[in-house]
Amino acid sequence: MTIFEKIVAGEIPCNKVLENDKFLAFNDINPKAPIHILIIPKKHFENFQEMDGTLMGEMTKFIQEVAVLMGVDKSGYRLVTNCGENGGQEVMHLHFHLLAGAKLGWVDTATDPQSTF
């Protein structure tokens, strides 16, 4: 069971931003930007390759709702998902990072592999 499954089950607390019957958004405990929210489906999918297209459409609307709620839908945000080990995925449960709250730069992880986002 992944840490995200434990959060969904209520075994581990989180600082919720938004929740419905299919998705959960909560603040990252190790933020990389002033606003750093993790958005997950409650149903387990290991990564983006496993995600159902219809459910992804619903998740898109949920993510957009999170952006509006956080007030970054107009100013801008970065949305990232890592897929698999070589893609930098650390928790094997599909999740998106919504990063915002400042003008975000770009890090070349090919030349600086210790950097993120």
C-alpha atoms as a PDB file:
ATOM      1  CA  MET A   1       0.000   0.000   0.000  1.00  0.00           C
ATOM      2  CA  THR A   2       1.468   3.397  -1.023  1.00  0.00           C
ATOM      3  CA  ILE A   3       1.534   6.454   1.213  1.00  0.00           C
ATOM      4  CA  PHE A   4      -1.175   8.012  -0.988  1.00  0.00           C
ATOM      5  CA  GLU A   5      -3.442   5.008  -0.504  1.00  0.00           C
ATOM      6  CA  LYS A   6      -2.925   5.386   3.258  1.00  0.00           C
ATOM      7  CA  ILE A   7      -3.841   9.089   2.993  1.00  0.00           C
ATOM      8  CA  VAL A   8      -7.013   8.240   1.033  1.00  0.00           C
ATOM      9  CA  ALA A   9      -7.888   5.595   3.659  1.00  0.00           C
ATOM     10  CA  GLY A  10      -7.464   8.172   6.437  1.00  0.00           C
ATOM     11  CA  GLU A  11      -4.542   6.290   8.012  1.00  0.00           C
ATOM     12  CA  ILE A  12      -2.186   9.232   7.434  1.00  0.00           C
ATOM     13  CA  PRO A  13      -3.394  12.829   7.811  1.00  0.00           C
ATOM     14  CA  CYS A  14      -2.968  15.450   5.117  1.00  0.00           C
ATOM     15  CA  ASN A  15      -3.687  19.137   4.704  1.00  0.00           C
ATOM     16  CA  LYS A  16      -6.609  18.836   2.272  1.00  0.00           C
ATOM     17  CA  VAL A  17      -7.244  21.505  -0.328  1.00  0.00           C
ATOM     18  CA  LEU A  18     -10.156  19.878  -2.165  1.00  0.00           C
ATOM     19  CA  GLU A  19     -11.802  16.469  -2.211  1.00  0.00           C
ATOM     20  CA  ASN A  20     -14.626  14.697  -3.966  1.00  0.00           C
ATOM     21  CA  ASP A  21     -15.608  11.037  -4.303  1.00  0.00           C
ATOM     22  CA  LYS A  22     -12.906  10.311  -6.928  1.00  0.00           C
ATOM     23  CA  PHE A  23     -10.003  12.716  -6.296  1.00  0.00           C
ATOM     24  CA  LEU A  24      -8.044  14.351  -3.495  1.00  0.00           C
ATOM     25  CA  ALA A  25      -5.838  17.445  -3.513  1.00  0.00           C
ATOM     26  CA  PHE A  26      -3.562  18.262  -0.589  1.00  0.00           C
ATOM     27  CA  ASN A  27      -0.510  20.356   0.223  1.00  0.00           C
ATOM     28  CA  ASP A  28       2.870  18.737  -0.372  1.00  0.00           C
ATOM     29  CA  ILE A  29       4.834  18.333   2.876  1.00  0.00           C
ATOM     30  CA  ASN A  30       8.072  19.248   1.048  1.00  0.00           C
ATOM     31  CA  PRO A  31       7.001  22.151  -1.204  1.00  0.00           C
ATOM     32  CA  LYS A  32       9.097  23.202  -4.193  1.00  0.00           C
ATOM     33  CA  ALA A  33       7.112  26.417  -4.762  1.00  0.00           C
ATOM     34  CA  PRO A  34       5.012  28.775  -2.594  1.00  0.00           C
ATOM     35  CA  ILE A  35       1.977  26.731  -3.660  1.00  0.00           C
ATOM     36  CA  HIS A  36       2.671  23.019  -4.133  1.00  0.00           C
ATOM     37  CA  ILE A  37      -0.365  20.771  -4.195  1.00  0.00           C
ATOM     38  CA  LEU A  38      -0.498  17.051  -4.913  1.00  0.00           C
ATOM     39  CA  ILE A  39      -3.558  15.841  -6.792  1.00  0.00           C
ATOM     40  CA  ILE A  40      -4.364  12.142  -6.843  1.00  0.00           C
ATOM     41  CA  PRO A  41      -7.123   9.803  -7.942  1.00  0.00           C
ATOM     42  CA  LYS A  42      -8.493   7.899  -4.964  1.00  0.00           C
ATOM     43  CA  LYS A  43      -8.442   4.715  -7.005  1.00  0.00           C
ATOM     44  CA  HIS A  44      -4.926   3.349  -7.372  1.00  0.00           C
ATOM     45  CA  PHE A  45      -3.219   3.727 -10.735  1.00  0.00           C
ATOM     46  CA  GLU A  46       0.521   3.171 -10.643  1.00  0.00           C
ATOM     47  CA  ASN A  47       1.220   5.959 -13.125  1.00  0.00           C
ATOM     48  CA  PHE A  48      -0.146   7.916 -16.073  1.00  0.00           C
ATOM     49  CA  GLN A  49       0.232   4.920 -18.422  1.00  0.00           C
ATOM     50  CA  GLU A  50      -2.426   3.055 -16.436  1.00  0.00           C
ATOM     51  CA  MET A  51      -4.910   5.925 -16.177  1.00  0.00           C
ATOM     52  CA  ASP A  52      -8.326   5.478 -17.736  1.00  0.00           C
ATOM     53  CA  GLY A  53      -9.067   8.167 -20.361  1.00  0.00           C
ATOM     54  CA  THR A  54     -12.600   8.876 -19.156  1.00  0.00           C
ATOM     55  CA  LEU A  55     -11.454   9.258 -15.554  1.00  0.00           C
ATOM     56  CA  MET A  56      -8.593  11.483 -16.740  1.00  0.00           C
ATOM     57  CA  GLY A  57     -11.180  13.825 -18.238  1.00  0.00           C
ATOM     58  CA  GLU A  58     -12.849  14.061 -14.844  1.00  0.00           C
ATOM     59  CA  MET A  59      -9.489  14.584 -13.181  1.00  0.00           C
ATOM     60  CA  THR A  60      -8.759  17.442 -15.584  1.00  0.00           C
ATOM     61  CA  LYS A  61     -11.873  19.264 -14.380  1.00  0.00           C
ATOM     62  CA  PHE A  62     -10.887  18.601 -10.756  1.00  0.00           C
ATOM     63  CA  ILE A  63      -7.386  19.999 -11.307  1.00  0.00           C
ATOM     64  CA  GLN A  64      -8.864  23.088 -12.965  1.00  0.00           C
ATOM     65  CA  GLU A  65     -11.128  23.530  -9.937  1.00  0.00           C
ATOM     66  CA  VAL A  66      -8.091  23.347  -7.626  1.00  0.00           C
ATOM     67  CA  ALA A  67      -6.354  26.038  -9.703  1.00  0.00           C
ATOM     68  CA  VAL A  68      -9.416  28.316  -9.403  1.00  0.00           C
ATOM     69  CA  LEU A  69      -9.706  27.642  -5.661  1.00  0.00           C
ATOM     70  CA  MET A  70      -6.041  28.553  -5.166  1.00  0.00           C
ATOM     71  CA  GLY A  71      -6.418  31.693  -7.290  1.00  0.00           C
ATOM     72  CA  VAL A  72      -3.780  30.696  -9.833  1.00  0.00           C
ATOM     73  CA  ASP A  73      -6.012  29.873 -12.801  1.00  0.00           C
ATOM     74  CA  LYS A  74      -5.299  33.299 -14.359  1.00  0.00           C
ATOM     75  CA  SER A  75      -1.752  34.019 -13.104  1.00  0.00           C
ATOM     76  CA  GLY A  76      -0.451  30.597 -14.081  1.00  0.00           C
ATOM     77  CA  TYR A  77       0.847  27.366 -12.661  1.00  0.00           C
ATOM     78  CA  ARG A  78       2.903  24.338 -13.594  1.00  0.00           C
ATOM     79  CA  LEU A  79       1.329  20.891 -13.683  1.00  0.00           C
ATOM     80  CA  VAL A  80       3.737  17.937 -13.558  1.00  0.00           C
ATOM     81  CA  THR A  81       3.443  14.180 -13.361  1.00  0.00           C
ATOM     82  CA  ASN A  82       6.382  11.817 -13.316  1.00  0.00           C
ATOM     83  CA  CYS A  83       5.899   8.439 -14.955  1.00  0.00           C
ATOM     84  CA  GLY A  84       8.060   5.512 -13.892  1.00  0.00           C
ATOM     85  CA  GLU A  85      11.495   5.307 -12.349  1.00  0.00           C
ATOM     86  CA  ASN A  86      13.341   7.012 -15.218  1.00  0.00           C
ATOM     87  CA  GLY A  87      10.725   9.769 -15.207  1.00  0.00           C
ATOM     88  CA  GLY A  88      11.519  10.539 -11.572  1.00  0.00           C
ATOM     89  CA  GLN A  89       8.405   8.974 -10.024  1.00  0.00           C
ATOM     90  CA  GLU A  90       9.021   8.255  -6.335  1.00  0.00           C
ATOM     91  CA  VAL A  91       5.541   7.239  -5.148  1.00  0.00           C
ATOM     92  CA  MET A  92       4.032   4.599  -7.405  1.00  0.00           C
ATOM     93  CA  HIS A  93       0.528   6.059  -7.346  1.00  0.00           C
ATOM     94  CA  LEU A  94      -0.456   8.479 -10.095  1.00  0.00           C
ATOM     95  CA  HIS A  95      -0.190  12.044  -8.854  1.00  0.00           C
ATOM     96  CA  PHE A  96       0.121  15.509 -10.289  1.00  0.00           C
ATOM     97  CA  HIS A  97       2.082  18.359  -8.771  1.00  0.00           C
ATOM     98  CA  LEU A  98       0.449  21.781  -9.116  1.00  0.00           C
ATOM     99  CA  LEU A  99       3.145  24.393  -8.521  1.00  0.00           C
ATOM    100  CA  ALA A 100       2.421  28.112  -8.401  1.00  0.00           C
ATOM    101  CA  GLY A 101       2.655  31.283  -6.375  1.00  0.00           C
ATOM    102  CA  ALA A 102       5.786  32.670  -8.050  1.00  0.00           C
ATOM    103  CA  LYS A 103       7.342  32.956 -11.485  1.00  0.00           C
ATOM    104  CA  LEU A 104       8.760  29.478 -11.926  1.00  0.00           C
ATOM    105  CA  GLY A 105      12.103  28.934 -13.597  1.00  0.00           C
ATOM    106  CA  TRP A 106      13.195  25.873 -15.497  1.00  0.00           C
ATOM    107  CA  VAL A 107      15.822  23.429 -14.270  1.00  0.00           C
ATOM    108  CA  ASP A 108      17.697  21.214 -16.694  1.00  0.00           C
ATOM    109  CA  THR A 109      17.637  17.920 -14.809  1.00  0.00           C
ATOM    110  CA  ALA A 110      19.867  16.375 -17.483  1.00  0.00           C
ATOM    111  CA  THR A 111      22.753  18.592 -16.368  1.00  0.00           C
ATOM    112  CA  ASP A 112      21.679  18.918 -12.729  1.00  0.00           C
ATOM    113  CA  PRO A 113      20.029  15.587 -11.810  1.00  0.00           C
ATOM    114  CA  GLN A 114      19.629  16.577  -8.150  1.00  0.00           C
ATOM    115  CA  SER A 115      17.282  19.414  -9.050  1.00  0.00           C
ATOM    116  CA  THR A 116      13.532  19.116  -9.284  1.00  0.00           C
ATOM    117  CA  PHE A 117      10.998  21.187 -11.174  1.00  0.00           C
END
